[in-house]
Amino acid sequence: MKLLEDRIRKDGIVREGNVLKVDSFLNHKCDVALYDEMGAEWARLFAGKQVDKILTIESSGIGIACTASRHFGNVPVVFARKTESKNLDGDQYRTQIKSYTKGRVYEVIVAKRFLERGEHVIVIDDFLAMGCALNGLLEICDEAGVIVEGIGIAIEKGFQPGGEQLRKRGYQVESLAILNGMDAKTGEITFA
């Protein structure tokens, strides 16, 4: 998606350790008009798929998933929580994921009442690198008995194995910007 690639070139900041900082438009300060264009593109890429819900993970995935929902007929968005809360009640799906950027393990939780066996879901998230967060969400989907129609990613680090591994497992992964490489010294970003 050229619009997203151009925005990454303009406002993305490359840090050591293969970290791309896009907090000025994607995952801290939110460019809702850009989110809307992204949602429209995912709807085009997943056209013809049955979508009952969108599944994401807190917190960066929530905004893009909610905006994308409008393009999928305003389907509900369910997000996996990374923290316990007194408001969490009833039976829950739980799994552990490791955050690439934060370097820590989170337990993620989805209330069982929000994913019904046989439903069709699209999983949406902001980044795909190693695939840890997505694999956690896919474990929850398997346990819930929902059908994953596809995975929508804003930015995929194509030089890391997450996307390739998911595609080899048969998932339709639609990344709107795929990075071939990043150079922290020059700030250069190359796209697939």
C-alpha atoms as a PDB file:
ATOM      1  CA  MET A   1       0.000   0.000   0.000  1.00  0.00           C
ATOM      2  CA  LYS A   2       1.860   3.020  -1.305  1.00  0.00           C
ATOM      3  CA  LEU A   3       0.120   5.446   1.053  1.00  0.00           C
ATOM      4  CA  LEU A   4       1.415   3.566   4.100  1.00  0.00           C
ATOM      5  CA  GLU A   5       4.883   3.056   2.620  1.00  0.00           C
ATOM      6  CA  ASP A   6       5.141   6.784   1.889  1.00  0.00           C
ATOM      7  CA  ARG A   7       4.110   7.598   5.448  1.00  0.00           C
ATOM      8  CA  ILE A   8       6.695   5.189   6.840  1.00  0.00           C
ATOM      9  CA  ARG A   9       9.391   6.798   4.674  1.00  0.00           C
ATOM     10  CA  LYS A  10       8.329  10.272   5.806  1.00  0.00           C
ATOM     11  CA  ASP A  11       7.719   9.729   9.523  1.00  0.00           C
ATOM     12  CA  GLY A  12       9.166   6.329  10.461  1.00  0.00           C
ATOM     13  CA  ILE A  13      12.312   6.281  12.563  1.00  0.00           C
ATOM     14  CA  VAL A  14      14.683   3.320  12.452  1.00  0.00           C
ATOM     15  CA  ARG A  15      16.289   2.336  15.757  1.00  0.00           C
ATOM     16  CA  GLU A  16      18.994  -0.191  16.568  1.00  0.00           C
ATOM     17  CA  GLY A  17      17.812  -3.774  16.936  1.00  0.00           C
ATOM     18  CA  ASN A  18      15.492  -3.736  13.893  1.00  0.00           C
ATOM     19  CA  VAL A  19      12.981  -1.463  15.609  1.00  0.00           C
ATOM     20  CA  LEU A  20      10.817   0.828  13.473  1.00  0.00           C
ATOM     21  CA  LYS A  21       9.265   3.685  15.418  1.00  0.00           C
ATOM     22  CA  VAL A  22       5.932   4.718  13.869  1.00  0.00           C
ATOM     23  CA  ASP A  23       4.336   6.184  16.948  1.00  0.00           C
ATOM     24  CA  SER A  24       3.666   9.539  15.259  1.00  0.00           C
ATOM     25  CA  PHE A  25       0.905   8.005  13.115  1.00  0.00           C
ATOM     26  CA  LEU A  26       0.250   4.322  13.844  1.00  0.00           C
ATOM     27  CA  ASN A  27       0.612   3.179  17.411  1.00  0.00           C
ATOM     28  CA  HIS A  28       0.662   6.146  19.785  1.00  0.00           C
ATOM     29  CA  LYS A  29      -0.680   9.132  17.869  1.00  0.00           C
ATOM     30  CA  CYS A  30      -3.316   7.753  15.514  1.00  0.00           C
ATOM     31  CA  ASP A  31      -3.886   8.973  11.956  1.00  0.00           C
ATOM     32  CA  VAL A  32      -7.518   7.918  11.647  1.00  0.00           C
ATOM     33  CA  ALA A  33      -7.742   8.852   7.959  1.00  0.00           C
ATOM     34  CA  LEU A  34      -4.803   6.528   7.278  1.00  0.00           C
ATOM     35  CA  TYR A  35      -6.460   3.822   9.393  1.00  0.00           C
ATOM     36  CA  ASP A  36      -9.583   4.202   7.260  1.00  0.00           C
ATOM     37  CA  GLU A  37      -7.600   3.716   4.043  1.00  0.00           C
ATOM     38  CA  MET A  38      -5.936   0.659   5.577  1.00  0.00           C
ATOM     39  CA  GLY A  39      -9.313  -0.799   6.528  1.00  0.00           C
ATOM     40  CA  ALA A  40     -10.612  -0.268   3.007  1.00  0.00           C
ATOM     41  CA  GLU A  41      -7.557  -2.039   1.592  1.00  0.00           C
ATOM     42  CA  TRP A  42      -7.965  -5.047   3.898  1.00  0.00           C
ATOM     43  CA  ALA A  43     -11.635  -5.252   2.933  1.00  0.00           C
ATOM     44  CA  ARG A  44     -10.568  -5.332  -0.726  1.00  0.00           C
ATOM     45  CA  LEU A  45      -7.877  -7.955  -0.073  1.00  0.00           C
ATOM     46  CA  PHE A  46     -10.288 -10.178   1.886  1.00  0.00           C
ATOM     47  CA  ALA A  47     -13.272  -9.585  -0.408  1.00  0.00           C
ATOM     48  CA  GLY A  48     -15.549 -12.603  -0.580  1.00  0.00           C
ATOM     49  CA  LYS A  49     -14.492 -13.923   2.825  1.00  0.00           C
ATOM     50  CA  GLN A  50     -17.104 -14.377   5.515  1.00  0.00           C
ATOM     51  CA  VAL A  51     -16.170 -12.148   8.461  1.00  0.00           C
ATOM     52  CA  ASP A  52     -18.182 -12.325  11.673  1.00  0.00           C
ATOM     53  CA  LYS A  53     -15.601 -10.634  13.912  1.00  0.00           C
ATOM     54  CA  ILE A  54     -12.199  -9.017  13.887  1.00  0.00           C
ATOM     55  CA  LEU A  55      -9.709 -10.223  16.497  1.00  0.00           C
ATOM     56  CA  THR A  56      -6.716  -8.169  17.635  1.00  0.00           C
ATOM     57  CA  ILE A  57      -4.509  -7.642  20.653  1.00  0.00           C
ATOM     58  CA  GLU A  58      -4.221  -4.650  22.924  1.00  0.00           C
ATOM     59  CA  SER A  59      -3.238  -2.003  22.575  1.00  0.00           C
ATOM     60  CA  SER A  60      -1.887  -0.964  19.195  1.00  0.00           C
ATOM     61  CA  GLY A  61      -4.183  -3.229  17.216  1.00  0.00           C
ATOM     62  CA  ILE A  62      -7.416  -1.858  18.657  1.00  0.00           C
ATOM     63  CA  GLY A  63      -7.602   1.409  16.708  1.00  0.00           C
ATOM     64  CA  ILE A  64      -6.831  -0.085  13.316  1.00  0.00           C
ATOM     65  CA  ALA A  65      -9.177  -3.033  13.939  1.00  0.00           C
ATOM     66  CA  CYS A  66     -12.064  -0.761  14.959  1.00  0.00           C
ATOM     67  CA  THR A  67     -11.599   1.447  11.923  1.00  0.00           C
ATOM     68  CA  ALA A  68     -11.270  -1.595   9.647  1.00  0.00           C
ATOM     69  CA  SER A  69     -14.531  -2.971  11.071  1.00  0.00           C
ATOM     70  CA  ARG A  70     -16.452  -0.276   9.213  1.00  0.00           C
ATOM     71  CA  HIS A  71     -15.264  -1.781   5.917  1.00  0.00           C
ATOM     72  CA  PHE A  72     -16.340  -5.280   6.948  1.00  0.00           C
ATOM     73  CA  GLY A  73     -19.938  -4.300   7.665  1.00  0.00           C
ATOM     74  CA  ASN A  74     -19.319  -2.978  11.196  1.00  0.00           C
ATOM     75  CA  VAL A  75     -18.578  -6.422  12.594  1.00  0.00           C
ATOM     76  CA  PRO A  76     -17.631  -6.566  16.287  1.00  0.00           C
ATOM     77  CA  VAL A  77     -13.976  -6.228  17.281  1.00  0.00           C
ATOM     78  CA  VAL A  78     -12.642  -8.456  20.047  1.00  0.00           C
ATOM     79  CA  PHE A  79      -9.251  -7.752  21.549  1.00  0.00           C
ATOM     80  CA  ALA A  80      -7.044  -9.982  23.620  1.00  0.00           C
ATOM     81  CA  ARG A  81      -6.141  -8.304  26.892  1.00  0.00           C
ATOM     82  CA  LYS A  82      -2.586  -8.283  28.209  1.00  0.00           C
ATOM     83  CA  THR A  83      -3.525  -7.560  31.806  1.00  0.00           C
ATOM     84  CA  GLU A  84      -5.744  -9.058  34.456  1.00  0.00           C
ATOM     85  CA  SER A  85      -8.705  -6.963  35.483  1.00  0.00           C
ATOM     86  CA  LYS A  86     -11.447  -7.221  38.072  1.00  0.00           C
ATOM     87  CA  ASN A  87     -13.829  -6.794  35.132  1.00  0.00           C
ATOM     88  CA  LEU A  88     -12.684 -10.064  33.538  1.00  0.00           C
ATOM     89  CA  ASP A  89     -15.186 -12.700  34.523  1.00  0.00           C
ATOM     90  CA  GLY A  90     -16.414 -16.039  33.311  1.00  0.00           C
ATOM     91  CA  ASP A  91     -14.442 -18.592  31.330  1.00  0.00           C
ATOM     92  CA  GLN A  92     -11.433 -17.314  29.408  1.00  0.00           C
ATOM     93  CA  TYR A  93      -8.993 -18.380  26.755  1.00  0.00           C
ATOM     94  CA  ARG A  94      -5.398 -17.702  27.815  1.00  0.00           C
ATOM     95  CA  THR A  95      -2.032 -18.040  26.182  1.00  0.00           C
ATOM     96  CA  GLN A  96       1.404 -16.515  26.538  1.00  0.00           C
ATOM     97  CA  ILE A  97       3.176 -14.413  23.952  1.00  0.00           C
ATOM     98  CA  LYS A  98       6.566 -12.747  23.816  1.00  0.00           C
ATOM     99  CA  SER A  99       6.690  -9.133  22.668  1.00  0.00           C
ATOM    100  CA  TYR A 100       9.546  -8.526  20.226  1.00  0.00           C
ATOM    101  CA  THR A 101       9.832  -4.800  20.978  1.00  0.00           C
ATOM    102  CA  LYS A 102       9.265  -4.993  24.729  1.00  0.00           C
ATOM    103  CA  GLY A 103      11.287  -8.170  25.232  1.00  0.00           C
ATOM    104  CA  ARG A 104       8.884  -9.641  27.769  1.00  0.00           C
ATOM    105  CA  VAL A 105       6.260 -12.350  27.984  1.00  0.00           C
ATOM    106  CA  TYR A 106       2.588 -11.460  28.371  1.00  0.00           C
ATOM    107  CA  GLU A 107      -0.355 -13.628  29.217  1.00  0.00           C
ATOM    108  CA  VAL A 108      -3.170 -12.684  26.856  1.00  0.00           C
ATOM    109  CA  ILE A 109      -6.794 -13.261  27.681  1.00  0.00           C
ATOM    110  CA  VAL A 110     -10.045 -13.382  25.708  1.00  0.00           C
ATOM    111  CA  ALA A 111     -13.376 -14.055  27.406  1.00  0.00           C
ATOM    112  CA  LYS A 112     -14.845 -17.234  25.929  1.00  0.00           C
ATOM    113  CA  ARG A 113     -18.240 -15.608  25.468  1.00  0.00           C
ATOM    114  CA  PHE A 114     -16.799 -13.271  22.792  1.00  0.00           C
ATOM    115  CA  LEU A 115     -15.611 -15.999  20.389  1.00  0.00           C
ATOM    116  CA  GLU A 116     -18.191 -18.565  19.330  1.00  0.00           C
ATOM    117  CA  ARG A 117     -17.348 -21.907  17.748  1.00  0.00           C
ATOM    118  CA  GLY A 118     -17.757 -21.784  13.972  1.00  0.00           C
ATOM    119  CA  GLU A 119     -17.443 -18.003  13.651  1.00  0.00           C
ATOM    120  CA  HIS A 120     -15.241 -16.583  10.921  1.00  0.00           C
ATOM    121  CA  VAL A 121     -12.619 -14.050  12.003  1.00  0.00           C
ATOM    122  CA  ILE A 122     -10.005 -11.805  10.483  1.00  0.00           C
ATOM    123  CA  VAL A 123      -7.019 -11.154  12.736  1.00  0.00           C
ATOM    124  CA  ILE A 124      -5.600  -7.632  12.473  1.00  0.00           C
ATOM    125  CA  ASP A 125      -2.454  -6.222  14.085  1.00  0.00           C
ATOM    126  CA  ASP A 126      -0.020  -3.367  13.596  1.00  0.00           C
ATOM    127  CA  PHE A 127       3.277  -5.311  13.257  1.00  0.00           C
ATOM    128  CA  LEU A 128       4.460  -8.744  12.246  1.00  0.00           C
ATOM    129  CA  ALA A 129       8.081  -9.656  12.934  1.00  0.00           C
ATOM    130  CA  MET A 130       8.699 -12.999  14.616  1.00  0.00           C
ATOM    131  CA  GLY A 131       4.990 -13.874  14.751  1.00  0.00           C
ATOM    132  CA  CYS A 132       4.772 -14.450  18.509  1.00  0.00           C
ATOM    133  CA  ALA A 133       1.678 -12.298  19.106  1.00  0.00           C
ATOM    134  CA  LEU A 134      -0.124 -13.736  16.101  1.00  0.00           C
ATOM    135  CA  ASN A 135       0.713 -17.299  17.069  1.00  0.00           C
ATOM    136  CA  GLY A 136      -0.802 -16.613  20.476  1.00  0.00           C
ATOM    137  CA  LEU A 137      -3.988 -15.270  18.902  1.00  0.00           C
ATOM    138  CA  LEU A 138      -4.117 -18.256  16.554  1.00  0.00           C
ATOM    139  CA  GLU A 139      -3.840 -20.624  19.542  1.00  0.00           C
ATOM    140  CA  ILE A 140      -6.853 -18.899  21.059  1.00  0.00           C
ATOM    141  CA  CYS A 141      -8.726 -19.189  17.741  1.00  0.00           C
ATOM    142  CA  ASP A 142      -7.950 -22.920  17.580  1.00  0.00           C
ATOM    143  CA  GLU A 143      -9.128 -23.461  21.139  1.00  0.00           C
ATOM    144  CA  ALA A 144     -12.297 -21.429  20.481  1.00  0.00           C
ATOM    145  CA  GLY A 145     -13.063 -23.332  17.296  1.00  0.00           C
ATOM    146  CA  VAL A 146     -13.267 -20.206  15.147  1.00  0.00           C
ATOM    147  CA  ILE A 147     -12.244 -20.129  11.489  1.00  0.00           C
ATOM    148  CA  VAL A 148      -9.424 -17.729  10.661  1.00  0.00           C
ATOM    149  CA  GLU A 149     -10.239 -16.285   7.236  1.00  0.00           C
ATOM    150  CA  GLY A 150      -7.059 -14.221   7.097  1.00  0.00           C
ATOM    151  CA  ILE A 151      -4.534 -12.046   8.864  1.00  0.00           C
ATOM    152  CA  GLY A 152      -4.228  -8.318   8.152  1.00  0.00           C
ATOM    153  CA  ILE A 153      -0.981  -6.632   9.137  1.00  0.00           C
ATOM    154  CA  ALA A 154      -0.088  -2.967   8.821  1.00  0.00           C
ATOM    155  CA  ILE A 155       3.711  -3.406   8.723  1.00  0.00           C
ATOM    156  CA  GLU A 156       5.530  -6.700   8.241  1.00  0.00           C
ATOM    157  CA  LYS A 157       9.259  -7.033   8.762  1.00  0.00           C
ATOM    158  CA  GLY A 158       9.798  -9.338   5.803  1.00  0.00           C
ATOM    159  CA  PHE A 159      13.406  -9.974   6.813  1.00  0.00           C
ATOM    160  CA  GLN A 160      12.172 -11.737   9.961  1.00  0.00           C
ATOM    161  CA  PRO A 161      10.473 -15.152   9.790  1.00  0.00           C
ATOM    162  CA  GLY A 162       6.967 -14.518  11.179  1.00  0.00           C
ATOM    163  CA  GLY A 163       5.142 -13.813   7.914  1.00  0.00           C
ATOM    164  CA  GLU A 164       6.793 -16.597   5.956  1.00  0.00           C
ATOM    165  CA  GLN A 165       6.032 -19.128   8.692  1.00  0.00           C
ATOM    166  CA  LEU A 166       2.346 -18.140   8.829  1.00  0.00           C
ATOM    167  CA  ARG A 167       2.015 -18.332   5.040  1.00  0.00           C
ATOM    168  CA  LYS A 168       3.647 -21.783   5.019  1.00  0.00           C
ATOM    169  CA  ARG A 169       0.990 -22.890   7.514  1.00  0.00           C
ATOM    170  CA  GLY A 170      -1.658 -21.882   4.963  1.00  0.00           C
ATOM    171  CA  TYR A 171      -2.840 -18.538   6.335  1.00  0.00           C
ATOM    172  CA  GLN A 172      -3.695 -15.708   3.983  1.00  0.00           C
ATOM    173  CA  VAL A 173      -1.493 -12.931   5.380  1.00  0.00           C
ATOM    174  CA  GLU A 174      -2.079  -9.497   3.851  1.00  0.00           C
ATOM    175  CA  SER A 175       0.544  -6.999   4.972  1.00  0.00           C
ATOM    176  CA  LEU A 176       0.066  -3.455   3.723  1.00  0.00           C
ATOM    177  CA  ALA A 177       3.770  -2.617   3.915  1.00  0.00           C
ATOM    178  CA  ILE A 178       6.492  -5.261   3.872  1.00  0.00           C
ATOM    179  CA  LEU A 179       9.957  -4.122   4.862  1.00  0.00           C
ATOM    180  CA  ASN A 180      12.937  -5.792   3.209  1.00  0.00           C
ATOM    181  CA  GLY A 181      15.395  -4.034   5.470  1.00  0.00           C
ATOM    182  CA  MET A 182      16.161  -1.099   7.723  1.00  0.00           C
ATOM    183  CA  ASP A 183      19.432   0.674   8.471  1.00  0.00           C
ATOM    184  CA  ALA A 184      19.601   2.423  11.840  1.00  0.00           C
ATOM    185  CA  LYS A 185      22.723   4.362  10.836  1.00  0.00           C
ATOM    186  CA  THR A 186      21.285   5.897   7.662  1.00  0.00           C
ATOM    187  CA  GLY A 187      17.594   5.658   8.491  1.00  0.00           C
ATOM    188  CA  GLU A 188      17.017   3.952   5.146  1.00  0.00           C
ATOM    189  CA  ILE A 189      14.027   1.641   4.829  1.00  0.00           C
ATOM    190  CA  THR A 190      13.543  -0.673   1.857  1.00  0.00           C
ATOM    191  CA  PHE A 191      10.230  -2.278   0.904  1.00  0.00           C
ATOM    192  CA  ALA A 192       9.347  -5.514  -0.869  1.00  0.00           C
END
